[in-house]
Amino acid sequence: MKKRIKKIKEKKQKLNEGGFMKFIIIKFGKEEIEMELDERDPTLPALLAYKINNYDNVYFCAYKWEHPLVDNPKFYLKAENSIKIFKKAIEEIRNEIKELKNNI
């Protein structure tokens, strides 16, 4: 049990590394991820939801923002392999941004 908890904490840490925006993990599992962003900007969760909903083996993906003055956007993903899909979407967005910068 302790090894599994340690593994989950390591995966949570990896999700927060190297980025400009932090994610607060609410639920974390192979088929389900729920997180809150620590910024009040819905741009990234909206882009992630749009991109991920076009993938195969995704059951549900959306973001929710109750009120911009009260809370932060929340992101929810339910898929066959949610971590792999989430990482794939982030990497594709990064590559698209790099390509856009190179073309400007």
N, C-alpha and C. Protein backbone atom coordinates (compact mmCIF):
# COMPACT_ATOMS: atom_id res chain seq x y z
N MET A 1 0.82 -1.19 0.00
CA MET A 1 0.00 0.00 0.00
C MET A 1 0.87 1.27 0.00
N LYS A 2 1.94 1.26 0.81
CA LYS A 2 2.81 2.44 0.87
C LYS A 2 3.50 2.69 -0.47
N LYS A 3 3.87 1.60 -1.17
CA LYS A 3 4.51 1.75 -2.48
C LYS A 3 3.54 2.39 -3.48
N ARG A 4 2.26 1.99 -3.42
CA ARG A 4 1.27 2.54 -4.34
C ARG A 4 1.05 4.03 -4.08
N ILE A 5 0.98 4.41 -2.81
CA ILE A 5 0.81 5.82 -2.45
C ILE A 5 2.01 6.63 -2.93
N LYS A 6 3.21 6.09 -2.76
CA LYS A 6 4.42 6.77 -3.21
C LYS A 6 4.40 6.94 -4.73
N LYS A 7 3.96 5.90 -5.45
CA LYS A 7 3.89 5.96 -6.91
C LYS A 7 2.90 7.03 -7.37
N ILE A 8 1.76 7.11 -6.70
CA ILE A 8 0.75 8.12 -7.05
C ILE A 8 1.30 9.52 -6.80
N LYS A 9 1.99 9.72 -5.68
CA LYS A 9 2.58 11.03 -5.39
C LYS A 9 3.62 11.41 -6.43
N GLU A 10 4.41 10.43 -6.89
CA GLU A 10 5.42 10.70 -7.92
C GLU A 10 4.75 11.11 -9.22
N LYS A 11 3.67 10.44 -9.60
CA LYS A 11 2.95 10.79 -10.82
C LYS A 11 2.34 12.18 -10.71
N LYS A 12 1.79 12.51 -9.54
CA LYS A 12 1.23 13.84 -9.34
C LYS A 12 2.31 14.90 -9.50
N GLN A 13 3.49 14.64 -8.95
CA GLN A 13 4.60 15.57 -9.04
C GLN A 13 5.01 15.78 -10.50
N LYS A 14 5.06 14.69 -11.27
CA LYS A 14 5.45 14.80 -12.68
C LYS A 14 4.48 15.65 -13.47
N LEU A 15 3.19 15.60 -13.13
CA LEU A 15 2.21 16.42 -13.84
C LEU A 15 2.48 17.91 -13.64
N ASN A 16 3.04 18.27 -12.50
CA ASN A 16 3.26 19.68 -12.18
C ASN A 16 4.63 20.18 -12.60
N GLU A 17 5.50 19.33 -13.11
CA GLU A 17 6.86 19.74 -13.46
C GLU A 17 6.91 20.46 -14.80
N GLY A 18 7.79 21.43 -14.88
CA GLY A 18 8.16 22.03 -16.15
C GLY A 18 7.13 22.91 -16.81
N GLY A 19 6.05 23.21 -16.16
CA GLY A 19 5.03 24.00 -16.81
C GLY A 19 4.90 25.38 -16.22
N PHE A 20 4.08 26.16 -16.85
CA PHE A 20 3.86 27.52 -16.40
C PHE A 20 2.61 27.59 -15.54
N MET A 21 1.82 26.54 -15.53
CA MET A 21 0.58 26.53 -14.78
C MET A 21 0.55 25.28 -13.90
N LYS A 22 0.17 25.43 -12.66
CA LYS A 22 0.11 24.30 -11.74
C LYS A 22 -1.29 23.71 -11.73
N PHE A 23 -1.34 22.39 -11.56
CA PHE A 23 -2.59 21.67 -11.43
C PHE A 23 -2.69 21.12 -10.02
N ILE A 24 -3.83 21.31 -9.38
CA ILE A 24 -4.09 20.74 -8.07
C ILE A 24 -4.92 19.49 -8.31
N ILE A 25 -4.36 18.33 -7.98
CA ILE A 25 -5.01 17.06 -8.25
C ILE A 25 -6.12 16.82 -7.23
N ILE A 26 -7.31 16.54 -7.72
CA ILE A 26 -8.46 16.21 -6.87
C ILE A 26 -8.68 14.70 -6.90
N LYS A 27 -8.77 14.12 -8.10
CA LYS A 27 -8.87 12.67 -8.28
C LYS A 27 -7.79 12.26 -9.27
N PHE A 28 -7.21 11.11 -9.03
CA PHE A 28 -6.12 10.66 -9.88
C PHE A 28 -6.17 9.15 -9.99
N GLY A 29 -6.42 8.66 -11.18
CA GLY A 29 -6.46 7.22 -11.40
C GLY A 29 -6.20 6.91 -12.86
N LYS A 30 -6.10 5.64 -13.15
CA LYS A 30 -5.79 5.24 -14.53
C LYS A 30 -6.86 5.71 -15.51
N GLU A 31 -8.12 5.65 -15.09
CA GLU A 31 -9.20 6.01 -16.01
C GLU A 31 -9.83 7.37 -15.71
N GLU A 32 -9.38 8.04 -14.67
CA GLU A 32 -10.05 9.27 -14.30
C GLU A 32 -9.07 10.28 -13.69
N ILE A 33 -9.17 11.50 -14.15
CA ILE A 33 -8.39 12.61 -13.59
C ILE A 33 -9.34 13.78 -13.37
N GLU A 34 -9.25 14.36 -12.20
CA GLU A 34 -9.97 15.60 -11.93
C GLU A 34 -8.98 16.53 -11.26
N MET A 35 -8.87 17.75 -11.77
CA MET A 35 -7.91 18.68 -11.21
C MET A 35 -8.45 20.10 -11.27
N GLU A 36 -7.84 20.94 -10.46
CA GLU A 36 -8.16 22.36 -10.44
C GLU A 36 -6.90 23.11 -10.84
N LEU A 37 -7.04 24.11 -11.65
CA LEU A 37 -5.90 24.92 -12.05
C LEU A 37 -5.71 26.03 -11.04
N ASP A 38 -4.48 26.40 -10.78
CA ASP A 38 -4.24 27.42 -9.76
C ASP A 38 -4.26 28.84 -10.32
N GLU A 39 -4.76 29.00 -11.53
CA GLU A 39 -4.92 30.32 -12.13
C GLU A 39 -6.35 30.49 -12.60
N ARG A 40 -6.79 31.71 -12.68
CA ARG A 40 -8.16 31.98 -13.10
C ARG A 40 -8.21 32.29 -14.60
N ASP A 41 -7.67 31.40 -15.37
CA ASP A 41 -7.67 31.55 -16.82
C ASP A 41 -8.14 30.25 -17.44
N PRO A 42 -9.29 30.24 -18.12
CA PRO A 42 -9.83 29.00 -18.67
C PRO A 42 -9.27 28.60 -20.03
N THR A 43 -8.27 29.33 -20.52
CA THR A 43 -7.76 29.06 -21.87
C THR A 43 -7.20 27.66 -22.00
N LEU A 44 -6.29 27.26 -21.11
CA LEU A 44 -5.68 25.94 -21.21
C LEU A 44 -6.69 24.81 -21.00
N PRO A 45 -7.54 24.84 -19.98
CA PRO A 45 -8.48 23.74 -19.84
C PRO A 45 -9.46 23.64 -21.02
N ALA A 46 -9.84 24.77 -21.59
CA ALA A 46 -10.74 24.74 -22.75
C ALA A 46 -10.04 24.11 -23.94
N LEU A 47 -8.79 24.48 -24.16
CA LEU A 47 -8.01 23.91 -25.26
C LEU A 47 -7.78 22.41 -25.06
N LEU A 48 -7.44 22.02 -23.84
CA LEU A 48 -7.23 20.60 -23.53
C LEU A 48 -8.51 19.80 -23.77
N ALA A 49 -9.63 20.30 -23.28
CA ALA A 49 -10.91 19.59 -23.46
C ALA A 49 -11.26 19.45 -24.93
N TYR A 50 -11.05 20.52 -25.69
CA TYR A 50 -11.34 20.47 -27.13
C TYR A 50 -10.48 19.41 -27.82
N LYS A 51 -9.19 19.42 -27.53
CA LYS A 51 -8.26 18.49 -28.16
C LYS A 51 -8.54 17.05 -27.74
N ILE A 52 -8.70 16.82 -26.44
CA ILE A 52 -8.88 15.47 -25.92
C ILE A 52 -10.19 14.86 -26.38
N ASN A 53 -11.23 15.66 -26.53
CA ASN A 53 -12.51 15.11 -26.98
C ASN A 53 -12.46 14.57 -28.41
N ASN A 54 -11.41 14.90 -29.15
CA ASN A 54 -11.25 14.35 -30.50
C ASN A 54 -10.48 13.04 -30.53
N TYR A 55 -9.97 12.59 -29.40
CA TYR A 55 -9.22 11.33 -29.32
C TYR A 55 -10.17 10.14 -29.17
N ASP A 56 -9.65 8.97 -29.56
CA ASP A 56 -10.39 7.73 -29.33
C ASP A 56 -10.26 7.33 -27.86
N ASN A 57 -11.15 6.49 -27.41
CA ASN A 57 -11.14 5.92 -26.05
C ASN A 57 -11.29 6.97 -24.95
N VAL A 58 -11.92 8.10 -25.28
CA VAL A 58 -12.23 9.12 -24.28
C VAL A 58 -13.73 9.04 -24.01
N TYR A 59 -14.07 8.81 -22.74
CA TYR A 59 -15.48 8.71 -22.37
C TYR A 59 -16.08 10.09 -22.11
N PHE A 60 -15.28 10.95 -21.47
CA PHE A 60 -15.78 12.28 -21.14
C PHE A 60 -14.59 13.19 -20.84
N CYS A 61 -14.67 14.41 -21.33
CA CYS A 61 -13.63 15.40 -21.02
C CYS A 61 -14.27 16.78 -21.07
N ALA A 62 -14.08 17.55 -20.00
CA ALA A 62 -14.66 18.88 -19.96
C ALA A 62 -13.95 19.71 -18.90
N TYR A 63 -14.22 21.00 -18.94
CA TYR A 63 -13.76 21.87 -17.86
C TYR A 63 -14.96 22.64 -17.35
N LYS A 64 -14.85 23.08 -16.12
CA LYS A 64 -15.96 23.81 -15.49
C LYS A 64 -15.37 24.97 -14.71
N TRP A 65 -16.05 26.10 -14.80
CA TRP A 65 -15.61 27.28 -14.07
C TRP A 65 -16.85 27.92 -13.47
N GLU A 66 -17.02 27.71 -12.18
CA GLU A 66 -18.23 28.19 -11.50
C GLU A 66 -18.38 29.70 -11.61
N HIS A 67 -17.36 30.43 -11.16
CA HIS A 67 -17.42 31.89 -11.21
C HIS A 67 -16.00 32.44 -11.22
N PRO A 68 -15.67 33.34 -12.12
CA PRO A 68 -14.29 33.83 -12.24
C PRO A 68 -13.76 34.56 -11.01
N LEU A 69 -14.61 35.13 -10.20
CA LEU A 69 -14.15 35.85 -9.01
C LEU A 69 -14.06 34.97 -7.77
N VAL A 70 -14.67 33.80 -7.83
CA VAL A 70 -14.76 32.96 -6.63
C VAL A 70 -13.82 31.77 -6.67
N ASP A 71 -13.71 31.11 -7.81
CA ASP A 71 -12.90 29.89 -7.85
C ASP A 71 -12.10 29.78 -9.13
N ASN A 72 -11.33 28.72 -9.21
CA ASN A 72 -10.48 28.44 -10.37
C ASN A 72 -11.15 27.42 -11.28
N PRO A 73 -10.75 27.37 -12.55
CA PRO A 73 -11.30 26.36 -13.46
C PRO A 73 -10.93 24.95 -13.01
N LYS A 74 -11.86 24.03 -13.23
CA LYS A 74 -11.63 22.62 -12.93
C LYS A 74 -11.66 21.85 -14.24
N PHE A 75 -10.85 20.82 -14.32
CA PHE A 75 -10.73 20.00 -15.53
C PHE A 75 -11.02 18.56 -15.16
N TYR A 76 -11.82 17.88 -15.99
CA TYR A 76 -12.19 16.50 -15.72
C TYR A 76 -11.97 15.66 -16.98
N LEU A 77 -11.35 14.51 -16.79
CA LEU A 77 -11.09 13.59 -17.90
C LEU A 77 -11.38 12.17 -17.45
N LYS A 78 -12.20 11.48 -18.22
CA LYS A 78 -12.45 10.05 -18.00
C LYS A 78 -12.18 9.36 -19.33
N ALA A 79 -11.17 8.47 -19.32
CA ALA A 79 -10.74 7.81 -20.55
C ALA A 79 -10.13 6.47 -20.21
N GLU A 80 -9.87 5.68 -21.26
CA GLU A 80 -9.28 4.36 -21.07
C GLU A 80 -7.92 4.45 -20.37
N ASN A 81 -7.10 5.39 -20.77
CA ASN A 81 -5.80 5.61 -20.12
C ASN A 81 -5.63 7.13 -19.98
N SER A 82 -6.21 7.68 -18.95
CA SER A 82 -6.32 9.14 -18.82
C SER A 82 -4.96 9.85 -18.75
N ILE A 83 -4.00 9.30 -18.03
CA ILE A 83 -2.70 9.95 -17.91
C ILE A 83 -2.01 10.04 -19.26
N LYS A 84 -2.01 8.93 -19.99
CA LYS A 84 -1.37 8.90 -21.31
C LYS A 84 -2.04 9.91 -22.26
N ILE A 85 -3.35 9.97 -22.24
CA ILE A 85 -4.09 10.89 -23.10
C ILE A 85 -3.81 12.34 -22.71
N PHE A 86 -3.79 12.62 -21.40
CA PHE A 86 -3.52 13.97 -20.92
C PHE A 86 -2.12 14.42 -21.35
N LYS A 87 -1.13 13.57 -21.17
CA LYS A 87 0.24 13.90 -21.55
C LYS A 87 0.36 14.10 -23.06
N LYS A 88 -0.34 13.26 -23.83
CA LYS A 88 -0.31 13.38 -25.29
C LYS A 88 -0.88 14.74 -25.72
N ALA A 89 -1.98 15.14 -25.11
CA ALA A 89 -2.59 16.43 -25.47
C ALA A 89 -1.68 17.60 -25.12
N ILE A 90 -1.06 17.55 -23.95
CA ILE A 90 -0.14 18.62 -23.55
C ILE A 90 1.02 18.71 -24.53
N GLU A 91 1.58 17.56 -24.89
CA GLU A 91 2.72 17.55 -25.83
C GLU A 91 2.31 18.08 -27.20
N GLU A 92 1.14 17.71 -27.69
CA GLU A 92 0.68 18.21 -28.98
C GLU A 92 0.45 19.72 -28.95
N ILE A 93 -0.09 20.23 -27.86
CA ILE A 93 -0.29 21.67 -27.73
C ILE A 93 1.05 22.39 -27.72
N ARG A 94 2.02 21.86 -26.98
CA ARG A 94 3.36 22.45 -26.96
C ARG A 94 3.95 22.51 -28.36
N ASN A 95 3.83 21.40 -29.11
CA ASN A 95 4.38 21.35 -30.47
C ASN A 95 3.68 22.34 -31.39
N GLU A 96 2.38 22.46 -31.25
CA GLU A 96 1.63 23.42 -32.08
C GLU A 96 2.06 24.86 -31.78
N ILE A 97 2.30 25.16 -30.51
CA ILE A 97 2.74 26.50 -30.13
C ILE A 97 4.14 26.77 -30.68
N LYS A 98 5.04 25.78 -30.60
CA LYS A 98 6.38 25.94 -31.16
C LYS A 98 6.31 26.19 -32.66
N GLU A 99 5.47 25.42 -33.35
CA GLU A 99 5.33 25.58 -34.79
C GLU A 99 4.78 26.97 -35.13
N LEU A 100 3.82 27.42 -34.35
CA LEU A 100 3.25 28.74 -34.56
C LEU A 100 4.30 29.83 -34.37
N LYS A 101 5.12 29.71 -33.32
CA LYS A 101 6.20 30.68 -33.08
C LYS A 101 7.19 30.70 -34.23
N ASN A 102 7.52 29.52 -34.76
CA ASN A 102 8.48 29.44 -35.87
C ASN A 102 7.94 30.06 -37.15
N ASN A 103 6.63 30.05 -37.32
CA ASN A 103 6.02 30.58 -38.53
C ASN A 103 5.74 32.07 -38.47
N ILE A 104 5.92 32.65 -37.32
CA ILE A 104 5.64 34.10 -37.19
C ILE A 104 6.88 34.89 -37.56
